Amino acid sequence: MNSSRYRPRNFVLEIAAILLAIVFLSPFYLVLSNSVKGLKDILTDAASWPQVFHWDNYSKVWKAIDFPQAFLNSLQITILSVIFIVLFSSMAAYQIVRKPTRFNSFVFLLLVSAMIIPFQSLMLQLVRVTSILELRGELYGIVACYLGFGMPLSVFLFHGFIKTVPLELEEAARVDGSNPYGVFFRIVFPLLMPIIVTVIILNTLWIWNDYLLPVLVIGGNKDLTTLPVAVTKFFGQYTKKWDLALAGLVMAITPILLFFLSLQRYIVEGVTSGSIKG
């Protein structure tokens, strides 16, 4: 049964997969190795293994960008944004699926259409709107923006998954006297856990690593500076401190990388489960 595993075609595919994996993993090697080099060594030969390990790069970054504060800012913004995205997206998708009126179908069409609009085309309007509504430089402002931009994909994912939830369960709950909110939060919401985890992972990866939206909405409010914005401190007009910038990058991506690796299996599980009747 296993004799076909190493046929020439399969062997070539395995070699190609290994080479492709090396290509995708090579940036991680460059970032990690250069994060413990001196600036001169990076500029001389960025691909070489460090001859001397400059571990003090990390301590310098810790102080230079006030890492604990930037980390807490990113954590606070990410958690609040993801909570609101999950809550409002699931409720909106449930309403659209269970009450397929023309208006709800039109709203769903608008949300799906919004997924193809490039963010760069909205940047100028976003700055104007957030300024008029006095959202700039405020925590609730950046959270509201992430909610708006995160809703389309999240509603789309929830929409497909909710179709797999048996309608009989909801009808039985209504017979027992549950109101619409009770039906959703006590019956439907717990059944959405696979896709909820998927939505949490996808939005957490996006929000944690996002740079443009915090720059546009938070602006010069240093009390809300996130990690991606803080790392850019090492890139000036005339100097670029690659040694510190790469160390800061490693410190910024490590928490989210561990988060992703621990929950990555739920992404495929949630999406495939939601596509059964999508």
C-alpha atoms as a PDB file:
ATOM      1  CA  MET A   1       0.000   0.000   0.000  1.00  0.00           C
ATOM      2  CA  ASN A   2       2.919   2.316   0.718  1.00  0.00           C
ATOM      3  CA  SER A   3       4.910   1.225  -2.334  1.00  0.00           C
ATOM      4  CA  SER A   4       3.504   4.091  -4.402  1.00  0.00           C
ATOM      5  CA  ARG A   5       4.717   6.729  -1.941  1.00  0.00           C
ATOM      6  CA  TYR A   6       8.155   7.071  -3.475  1.00  0.00           C
ATOM      7  CA  ARG A   7       7.316   6.851  -7.134  1.00  0.00           C
ATOM      8  CA  PRO A   8       9.275   9.363  -9.239  1.00  0.00           C
ATOM      9  CA  ARG A   9       6.335  11.768  -9.463  1.00  0.00           C
ATOM     10  CA  ASN A  10       5.729  11.750  -5.705  1.00  0.00           C
ATOM     11  CA  PHE A  11       9.443  12.118  -5.007  1.00  0.00           C
ATOM     12  CA  VAL A  12       9.643  15.183  -7.245  1.00  0.00           C
ATOM     13  CA  LEU A  13       6.595  16.704  -5.547  1.00  0.00           C
ATOM     14  CA  GLU A  14       8.137  16.153  -2.106  1.00  0.00           C
ATOM     15  CA  ILE A  15      11.404  17.790  -3.168  1.00  0.00           C
ATOM     16  CA  ALA A  16       9.458  20.721  -4.626  1.00  0.00           C
ATOM     17  CA  ALA A  17       7.465  21.077  -1.388  1.00  0.00           C
ATOM     18  CA  ILE A  18      10.682  21.074   0.669  1.00  0.00           C
ATOM     19  CA  LEU A  19      12.261  23.721  -1.560  1.00  0.00           C
ATOM     20  CA  LEU A  20       9.109  25.819  -1.386  1.00  0.00           C
ATOM     21  CA  ALA A  21       9.117  25.540   2.414  1.00  0.00           C
ATOM     22  CA  ILE A  22      12.747  26.686   2.512  1.00  0.00           C
ATOM     23  CA  VAL A  23      11.882  29.701   0.368  1.00  0.00           C
ATOM     24  CA  PHE A  24       9.041  30.707   2.679  1.00  0.00           C
ATOM     25  CA  LEU A  25      11.074  30.089   5.844  1.00  0.00           C
ATOM     26  CA  SER A  26      14.183  31.957   4.647  1.00  0.00           C
ATOM     27  CA  PRO A  27      12.811  35.390   5.729  1.00  0.00           C
ATOM     28  CA  PHE A  28      12.447  34.050   9.279  1.00  0.00           C
ATOM     29  CA  TYR A  29      16.096  33.001   9.234  1.00  0.00           C
ATOM     30  CA  LEU A  30      17.197  36.421   7.987  1.00  0.00           C
ATOM     31  CA  VAL A  31      15.153  38.248  10.607  1.00  0.00           C
ATOM     32  CA  LEU A  32      16.264  36.027  13.496  1.00  0.00           C
ATOM     33  CA  SER A  33      19.947  35.898  12.563  1.00  0.00           C
ATOM     34  CA  ASN A  34      20.241  39.618  11.866  1.00  0.00           C
ATOM     35  CA  SER A  35      18.391  40.560  15.044  1.00  0.00           C
ATOM     36  CA  VAL A  36      21.459  39.496  17.055  1.00  0.00           C
ATOM     37  CA  LYS A  37      24.067  41.093  14.763  1.00  0.00           C
ATOM     38  CA  GLY A  38      25.708  44.475  14.854  1.00  0.00           C
ATOM     39  CA  LEU A  39      24.694  47.027  12.226  1.00  0.00           C
ATOM     40  CA  LYS A  40      28.047  46.705  10.450  1.00  0.00           C
ATOM     41  CA  ASP A  41      27.704  42.929  10.146  1.00  0.00           C
ATOM     42  CA  ILE A  42      24.188  43.272   8.728  1.00  0.00           C
ATOM     43  CA  LEU A  43      25.282  45.725   6.072  1.00  0.00           C
ATOM     44  CA  THR A  44      28.338  43.626   5.218  1.00  0.00           C
ATOM     45  CA  ASP A  45      26.700  40.195   4.891  1.00  0.00           C
ATOM     46  CA  ALA A  46      23.082  39.880   5.916  1.00  0.00           C
ATOM     47  CA  ALA A  47      22.836  36.190   4.963  1.00  0.00           C
ATOM     48  CA  SER A  48      25.738  34.947   7.097  1.00  0.00           C
ATOM     49  CA  TRP A  49      25.432  33.309  10.517  1.00  0.00           C
ATOM     50  CA  PRO A  50      26.266  35.742  13.361  1.00  0.00           C
ATOM     51  CA  GLN A  51      29.915  35.634  14.404  1.00  0.00           C
ATOM     52  CA  VAL A  52      29.154  37.560  17.580  1.00  0.00           C
ATOM     53  CA  PHE A  53      25.720  37.494  19.167  1.00  0.00           C
ATOM     54  CA  HIS A  54      24.529  40.966  20.202  1.00  0.00           C
ATOM     55  CA  TRP A  55      21.769  39.991  22.627  1.00  0.00           C
ATOM     56  CA  ASP A  56      21.788  43.545  23.961  1.00  0.00           C
ATOM     57  CA  ASN A  57      19.842  44.550  20.827  1.00  0.00           C
ATOM     58  CA  TYR A  58      16.719  43.266  22.545  1.00  0.00           C
ATOM     59  CA  SER A  59      17.332  45.186  25.773  1.00  0.00           C
ATOM     60  CA  LYS A  60      17.944  48.370  23.780  1.00  0.00           C
ATOM     61  CA  VAL A  61      14.677  47.911  21.890  1.00  0.00           C
ATOM     62  CA  TRP A  62      12.810  47.188  25.135  1.00  0.00           C
ATOM     63  CA  LYS A  63      13.769  50.615  26.464  1.00  0.00           C
ATOM     64  CA  ALA A  64      13.744  52.567  23.191  1.00  0.00           C
ATOM     65  CA  ILE A  65      10.139  51.829  22.228  1.00  0.00           C
ATOM     66  CA  ASP A  66       8.799  51.247  25.748  1.00  0.00           C
ATOM     67  CA  PHE A  67       7.948  47.690  24.740  1.00  0.00           C
ATOM     68  CA  PRO A  68       5.639  46.872  27.698  1.00  0.00           C
ATOM     69  CA  GLN A  69       3.403  49.864  26.943  1.00  0.00           C
ATOM     70  CA  ALA A  70       3.350  49.229  23.183  1.00  0.00           C
ATOM     71  CA  PHE A  71       2.599  45.550  23.830  1.00  0.00           C
ATOM     72  CA  LEU A  72      -0.301  46.393  26.143  1.00  0.00           C
ATOM     73  CA  ASN A  73      -1.666  48.879  23.590  1.00  0.00           C
ATOM     74  CA  SER A  74      -1.612  46.270  20.829  1.00  0.00           C
ATOM     75  CA  LEU A  75      -3.139  43.688  23.152  1.00  0.00           C
ATOM     76  CA  GLN A  76      -5.920  46.017  24.302  1.00  0.00           C
ATOM     77  CA  ILE A  77      -6.837  47.174  20.805  1.00  0.00           C
ATOM     78  CA  THR A  78      -6.739  43.638  19.413  1.00  0.00           C
ATOM     79  CA  ILE A  79      -8.864  42.078  22.170  1.00  0.00           C
ATOM     80  CA  LEU A  80     -11.536  44.781  22.142  1.00  0.00           C
ATOM     81  CA  SER A  81     -11.750  44.852  18.343  1.00  0.00           C
ATOM     82  CA  VAL A  82     -11.987  41.071  18.018  1.00  0.00           C
ATOM     83  CA  ILE A  83     -14.681  40.823  20.711  1.00  0.00           C
ATOM     84  CA  PHE A  84     -16.874  43.384  18.949  1.00  0.00           C
ATOM     85  CA  ILE A  85     -16.234  41.860  15.518  1.00  0.00           C
ATOM     86  CA  VAL A  86     -17.246  38.383  16.694  1.00  0.00           C
ATOM     87  CA  LEU A  87     -20.325  39.638  18.532  1.00  0.00           C
ATOM     88  CA  PHE A  88     -21.753  41.960  15.860  1.00  0.00           C
ATOM     89  CA  SER A  89     -20.749  39.806  12.873  1.00  0.00           C
ATOM     90  CA  SER A  90     -22.366  36.666  14.279  1.00  0.00           C
ATOM     91  CA  MET A  91     -25.579  38.509  15.133  1.00  0.00           C
ATOM     92  CA  ALA A  92     -25.719  40.186  11.715  1.00  0.00           C
ATOM     93  CA  ALA A  93     -25.078  36.921   9.872  1.00  0.00           C
ATOM     94  CA  TYR A  94     -27.730  35.129  11.937  1.00  0.00           C
ATOM     95  CA  GLN A  95     -30.310  37.785  11.094  1.00  0.00           C
ATOM     96  CA  ILE A  96     -29.423  37.643   7.396  1.00  0.00           C
ATOM     97  CA  VAL A  97     -29.632  33.837   7.232  1.00  0.00           C
ATOM     98  CA  ARG A  98     -32.795  33.348   9.277  1.00  0.00           C
ATOM     99  CA  LYS A  99     -34.679  36.302   7.773  1.00  0.00           C
ATOM    100  CA  PRO A 100     -33.727  36.392   4.078  1.00  0.00           C
ATOM    101  CA  THR A 101     -35.663  39.540   3.193  1.00  0.00           C
ATOM    102  CA  ARG A 102     -34.676  41.747   0.272  1.00  0.00           C
ATOM    103  CA  PHE A 103     -33.195  44.294   2.632  1.00  0.00           C
ATOM    104  CA  ASN A 104     -31.084  41.689   4.449  1.00  0.00           C
ATOM    105  CA  SER A 105     -29.933  40.209   1.156  1.00  0.00           C
ATOM    106  CA  PHE A 106     -28.963  43.686  -0.023  1.00  0.00           C
ATOM    107  CA  VAL A 107     -26.992  44.305   3.195  1.00  0.00           C
ATOM    108  CA  PHE A 108     -25.177  41.004   2.741  1.00  0.00           C
ATOM    109  CA  LEU A 109     -24.373  41.924  -0.850  1.00  0.00           C
ATOM    110  CA  LEU A 110     -22.930  45.253   0.315  1.00  0.00           C
ATOM    111  CA  LEU A 111     -20.799  43.537   2.939  1.00  0.00           C
ATOM    112  CA  VAL A 112     -19.437  40.993   0.478  1.00  0.00           C
ATOM    113  CA  SER A 113     -18.782  43.751  -2.064  1.00  0.00           C
ATOM    114  CA  ALA A 114     -16.818  45.689   0.547  1.00  0.00           C
ATOM    115  CA  MET A 115     -14.312  42.838   0.711  1.00  0.00           C
ATOM    116  CA  ILE A 116     -12.943  43.714  -2.733  1.00  0.00           C
ATOM    117  CA  ILE A 117     -12.447  47.442  -2.079  1.00  0.00           C
ATOM    118  CA  PRO A 118      -8.727  48.246  -1.572  1.00  0.00           C
ATOM    119  CA  PHE A 119      -8.035  49.906   1.763  1.00  0.00           C
ATOM    120  CA  GLN A 120      -5.727  52.434   0.100  1.00  0.00           C
ATOM    121  CA  SER A 121      -8.670  53.870  -1.845  1.00  0.00           C
ATOM    122  CA  LEU A 122     -10.427  54.711   1.443  1.00  0.00           C
ATOM    123  CA  MET A 123      -7.535  56.248   3.352  1.00  0.00           C
ATOM    124  CA  LEU A 124      -8.263  59.900   2.578  1.00  0.00           C
ATOM    125  CA  GLN A 125     -11.990  59.560   3.298  1.00  0.00           C
ATOM    126  CA  LEU A 126     -11.220  57.640   6.483  1.00  0.00           C
ATOM    127  CA  VAL A 127      -9.057  60.449   7.814  1.00  0.00           C
ATOM    128  CA  ARG A 128     -11.786  63.001   7.089  1.00  0.00           C
ATOM    129  CA  VAL A 129     -14.590  60.949   8.631  1.00  0.00           C
ATOM    130  CA  THR A 130     -12.643  60.070  11.772  1.00  0.00           C
ATOM    131  CA  SER A 131     -11.702  63.738  12.203  1.00  0.00           C
ATOM    132  CA  ILE A 132     -15.324  64.911  11.827  1.00  0.00           C
ATOM    133  CA  LEU A 133     -16.582  62.272  14.286  1.00  0.00           C
ATOM    134  CA  GLU A 134     -13.718  62.998  16.677  1.00  0.00           C
ATOM    135  CA  LEU A 135     -12.467  59.428  16.564  1.00  0.00           C
ATOM    136  CA  ARG A 136      -8.817  60.191  15.864  1.00  0.00           C
ATOM    137  CA  GLY A 137      -6.379  59.593  18.655  1.00  0.00           C
ATOM    138  CA  GLU A 138      -8.938  57.681  20.726  1.00  0.00           C
ATOM    139  CA  LEU A 139      -9.133  54.026  21.708  1.00  0.00           C
ATOM    140  CA  TYR A 140     -12.809  53.762  20.760  1.00  0.00           C
ATOM    141  CA  GLY A 141     -11.971  55.335  17.405  1.00  0.00           C
ATOM    142  CA  ILE A 142      -9.480  52.682  16.338  1.00  0.00           C
ATOM    143  CA  VAL A 143     -11.713  49.901  17.689  1.00  0.00           C
ATOM    144  CA  ALA A 144     -14.692  51.270  15.726  1.00  0.00           C
ATOM    145  CA  CYS A 145     -12.604  51.352  12.542  1.00  0.00           C
ATOM    146  CA  TYR A 146     -11.427  47.782  13.005  1.00  0.00           C
ATOM    147  CA  LEU A 147     -15.033  46.743  13.594  1.00  0.00           C
ATOM    148  CA  GLY A 148     -16.108  48.365  10.338  1.00  0.00           C
ATOM    149  CA  PHE A 149     -13.305  46.884   8.252  1.00  0.00           C
ATOM    150  CA  GLY A 150     -13.488  43.478   9.929  1.00  0.00           C
ATOM    151  CA  MET A 151     -17.236  42.962   9.558  1.00  0.00           C
ATOM    152  CA  PRO A 152     -17.420  41.990   5.834  1.00  0.00           C
ATOM    153  CA  LEU A 153     -15.201  38.898   5.930  1.00  0.00           C
ATOM    154  CA  SER A 154     -16.458  37.861   9.364  1.00  0.00           C
ATOM    155  CA  VAL A 155     -20.130  38.099   8.347  1.00  0.00           C
ATOM    156  CA  PHE A 156     -19.337  36.111   5.209  1.00  0.00           C
ATOM    157  CA  LEU A 157     -17.752  33.307   7.264  1.00  0.00           C
ATOM    158  CA  PHE A 158     -20.537  33.261   9.845  1.00  0.00           C
ATOM    159  CA  HIS A 159     -23.158  33.324   7.085  1.00  0.00           C
ATOM    160  CA  GLY A 160     -21.930  30.063   5.605  1.00  0.00           C
ATOM    161  CA  PHE A 161     -21.589  28.346   8.971  1.00  0.00           C
ATOM    162  CA  ILE A 162     -24.992  29.348  10.361  1.00  0.00           C
ATOM    163  CA  LYS A 163     -26.651  27.558   7.448  1.00  0.00           C
ATOM    164  CA  THR A 164     -25.369  24.282   8.922  1.00  0.00           C
ATOM    165  CA  VAL A 165     -27.085  24.893  12.288  1.00  0.00           C
ATOM    166  CA  PRO A 166     -30.317  22.793  12.463  1.00  0.00           C
ATOM    167  CA  LEU A 167     -33.369  25.027  12.512  1.00  0.00           C
ATOM    168  CA  GLU A 168     -35.187  22.463  14.651  1.00  0.00           C
ATOM    169  CA  LEU A 169     -33.020  23.343  17.661  1.00  0.00           C
ATOM    170  CA  GLU A 170     -34.142  26.957  17.504  1.00  0.00           C
ATOM    171  CA  GLU A 171     -37.788  26.005  17.067  1.00  0.00           C
ATOM    172  CA  ALA A 172     -37.593  23.732  20.115  1.00  0.00           C
ATOM    173  CA  ALA A 173     -36.101  26.574  22.161  1.00  0.00           C
ATOM    174  CA  ARG A 174     -38.900  28.923  21.088  1.00  0.00           C
ATOM    175  CA  VAL A 175     -41.492  26.335  22.103  1.00  0.00           C
ATOM    176  CA  ASP A 176     -39.847  26.220  25.542  1.00  0.00           C
ATOM    177  CA  GLY A 177     -40.350  29.986  25.832  1.00  0.00           C
ATOM    178  CA  SER A 178     -36.954  31.430  24.839  1.00  0.00           C
ATOM    179  CA  ASN A 179     -36.953  34.920  23.333  1.00  0.00           C
ATOM    180  CA  PRO A 180     -34.914  35.679  20.175  1.00  0.00           C
ATOM    181  CA  TYR A 181     -31.837  36.730  22.175  1.00  0.00           C
ATOM    182  CA  GLY A 182     -32.051  33.590  24.294  1.00  0.00           C
ATOM    183  CA  VAL A 183     -32.301  31.422  21.185  1.00  0.00           C
ATOM    184  CA  PHE A 184     -29.235  33.017  19.679  1.00  0.00           C
ATOM    185  CA  PHE A 185     -26.937  33.211  22.715  1.00  0.00           C
ATOM    186  CA  ARG A 186     -28.001  29.961  24.394  1.00  0.00           C
ATOM    187  CA  ILE A 187     -28.554  27.720  21.370  1.00  0.00           C
ATOM    188  CA  VAL A 188     -26.916  29.105  18.232  1.00  0.00           C
ATOM    189  CA  PHE A 189     -23.858  30.943  19.534  1.00  0.00           C
ATOM    190  CA  PRO A 190     -22.296  27.913  21.311  1.00  0.00           C
ATOM    191  CA  LEU A 191     -22.694  25.873  18.111  1.00  0.00           C
ATOM    192  CA  LEU A 192     -20.708  28.503  16.193  1.00  0.00           C
ATOM    193  CA  MET A 193     -17.541  27.877  18.213  1.00  0.00           C
ATOM    194  CA  PRO A 194     -15.443  26.408  15.326  1.00  0.00           C
ATOM    195  CA  ILE A 195     -16.065  29.417  13.086  1.00  0.00           C
ATOM    196  CA  ILE A 196     -15.775  31.803  16.041  1.00  0.00           C
ATOM    197  CA  VAL A 197     -12.248  30.538  16.651  1.00  0.00           C
ATOM    198  CA  THR A 198     -11.480  30.957  12.950  1.00  0.00           C
ATOM    199  CA  VAL A 199     -12.766  34.540  12.951  1.00  0.00           C
ATOM    200  CA  ILE A 200     -10.779  35.284  16.110  1.00  0.00           C
ATOM    201  CA  ILE A 201      -7.551  33.948  14.594  1.00  0.00           C
ATOM    202  CA  LEU A 202      -7.902  35.738  11.254  1.00  0.00           C
ATOM    203  CA  ASN A 203      -8.803  39.086  12.781  1.00  0.00           C
ATOM    204  CA  THR A 204      -6.189  38.825  15.523  1.00  0.00           C
ATOM    205  CA  LEU A 205      -3.443  38.220  12.969  1.00  0.00           C
ATOM    206  CA  TRP A 206      -4.619  41.194  10.914  1.00  0.00           C
ATOM    207  CA  ILE A 207      -5.144  43.668  13.749  1.00  0.00           C
ATOM    208  CA  TRP A 208      -1.975  42.794  15.664  1.00  0.00           C
ATOM    209  CA  ASN A 209       0.247  43.218  12.592  1.00  0.00           C
ATOM    210  CA  ASP A 210      -1.594  46.188  11.087  1.00  0.00           C
ATOM    211  CA  TYR A 211       0.347  49.399  10.541  1.00  0.00           C
ATOM    212  CA  LEU A 212      -1.673  51.714   8.291  1.00  0.00           C
ATOM    213  CA  LEU A 213      -4.884  51.983  10.312  1.00  0.00           C
ATOM    214  CA  PRO A 214      -3.162  52.852  13.625  1.00  0.00           C
ATOM    215  CA  VAL A 215      -1.060  55.486  11.856  1.00  0.00           C
ATOM    216  CA  LEU A 216      -4.129  57.079  10.278  1.00  0.00           C
ATOM    217  CA  VAL A 217      -6.500  56.888  13.256  1.00  0.00           C
ATOM    218  CA  ILE A 218      -4.254  56.996  16.329  1.00  0.00           C
ATOM    219  CA  GLY A 219      -1.922  59.543  14.759  1.00  0.00           C
ATOM    220  CA  GLY A 220       0.385  61.261  17.206  1.00  0.00           C
ATOM    221  CA  ASN A 221      -1.177  59.863  20.375  1.00  0.00           C
ATOM    222  CA  LYS A 222       1.891  58.155  21.852  1.00  0.00           C
ATOM    223  CA  ASP A 223      -0.165  56.651  24.669  1.00  0.00           C
ATOM    224  CA  LEU A 224      -1.827  54.321  22.121  1.00  0.00           C
ATOM    225  CA  THR A 225       1.208  53.488  19.956  1.00  0.00           C
ATOM    226  CA  THR A 226       1.069  49.858  18.807  1.00  0.00           C
ATOM    227  CA  LEU A 227       4.044  47.564  18.243  1.00  0.00           C
ATOM    228  CA  PRO A 228       4.137  47.808  14.406  1.00  0.00           C
ATOM    229  CA  VAL A 229       4.131  51.616  14.684  1.00  0.00           C
ATOM    230  CA  ALA A 230       6.687  51.650  17.500  1.00  0.00           C
ATOM    231  CA  VAL A 231       9.185  49.578  15.494  1.00  0.00           C
ATOM    232  CA  THR A 232       9.259  52.223  12.747  1.00  0.00           C
ATOM    233  CA  LYS A 233      11.013  54.492  15.237  1.00  0.00           C
ATOM    234  CA  PHE A 234      14.298  52.931  14.104  1.00  0.00           C
ATOM    235  CA  PHE A 235      13.857  54.169  10.521  1.00  0.00           C
ATOM    236  CA  GLY A 236      14.748  57.832  10.199  1.00  0.00           C
ATOM    237  CA  GLN A 237      15.318  60.119   7.237  1.00  0.00           C
ATOM    238  CA  TYR A 238      19.073  59.662   7.237  1.00  0.00           C
ATOM    239  CA  THR A 239      19.691  56.558   9.371  1.00  0.00           C
ATOM    240  CA  LYS A 240      18.197  53.094   9.545  1.00  0.00           C
ATOM    241  CA  LYS A 241      19.002  51.050  12.646  1.00  0.00           C
ATOM    242  CA  TRP A 242      18.474  47.622  11.136  1.00  0.00           C
ATOM    243  CA  ASP A 243      19.956  45.806  14.122  1.00  0.00           C
ATOM    244  CA  LEU A 244      17.406  47.290  16.529  1.00  0.00           C
ATOM    245  CA  ALA A 245      14.543  47.245  14.028  1.00  0.00           C
ATOM    246  CA  LEU A 246      14.928  43.521  13.386  1.00  0.00           C
ATOM    247  CA  ALA A 247      15.164  42.779  17.089  1.00  0.00           C
ATOM    248  CA  GLY A 248      12.003  44.798  17.617  1.00  0.00           C
ATOM    249  CA  LEU A 249      10.321  42.910  14.789  1.00  0.00           C
ATOM    250  CA  VAL A 250      11.135  39.573  16.433  1.00  0.00           C
ATOM    251  CA  MET A 251       9.730  40.818  19.737  1.00  0.00           C
ATOM    252  CA  ALA A 252       6.565  42.039  17.995  1.00  0.00           C
ATOM    253  CA  ILE A 253       5.796  38.902  15.982  1.00  0.00           C
ATOM    254  CA  THR A 254       6.684  36.296  18.620  1.00  0.00           C
ATOM    255  CA  PRO A 255       3.423  36.559  20.644  1.00  0.00           C
ATOM    256  CA  ILE A 256       1.195  36.444  17.587  1.00  0.00           C
ATOM    257  CA  LEU A 257       3.234  33.647  16.002  1.00  0.00           C
ATOM    258  CA  LEU A 258       2.820  31.481  19.106  1.00  0.00           C
ATOM    259  CA  PHE A 259      -0.895  32.324  19.133  1.00  0.00           C
ATOM    260  CA  PHE A 260      -1.264  31.280  15.495  1.00  0.00           C
ATOM    261  CA  LEU A 261       0.706  28.038  15.822  1.00  0.00           C
ATOM    262  CA  SER A 262      -1.376  26.966  18.818  1.00  0.00           C
ATOM    263  CA  LEU A 263      -4.713  27.510  17.052  1.00  0.00           C
ATOM    264  CA  GLN A 264      -3.972  27.143  13.330  1.00  0.00           C
ATOM    265  CA  ARG A 265      -5.877  23.845  12.944  1.00  0.00           C
ATOM    266  CA  TYR A 266      -9.131  25.643  13.748  1.00  0.00           C
ATOM    267  CA  ILE A 267      -8.832  27.841  10.642  1.00  0.00           C
ATOM    268  CA  VAL A 268      -9.278  24.986   8.166  1.00  0.00           C
ATOM    269  CA  GLU A 269     -11.809  23.249  10.420  1.00  0.00           C
ATOM    270  CA  GLY A 270     -13.988  26.332  10.731  1.00  0.00           C
ATOM    271  CA  VAL A 271     -13.878  27.343   7.065  1.00  0.00           C
ATOM    272  CA  THR A 272     -14.531  23.832   5.733  1.00  0.00           C
ATOM    273  CA  SER A 273     -17.360  23.256   8.206  1.00  0.00           C
ATOM    274  CA  GLY A 274     -19.003  26.475   7.088  1.00  0.00           C
ATOM    275  CA  SER A 275     -18.722  25.620   3.414  1.00  0.00           C
ATOM    276  CA  ILE A 276     -20.704  22.382   3.631  1.00  0.00           C
ATOM    277  CA  LYS A 277     -24.000  24.142   2.913  1.00  0.00           C
ATOM    278  CA  GLY A 278     -22.567  27.494   1.842  1.00  0.00           C
END
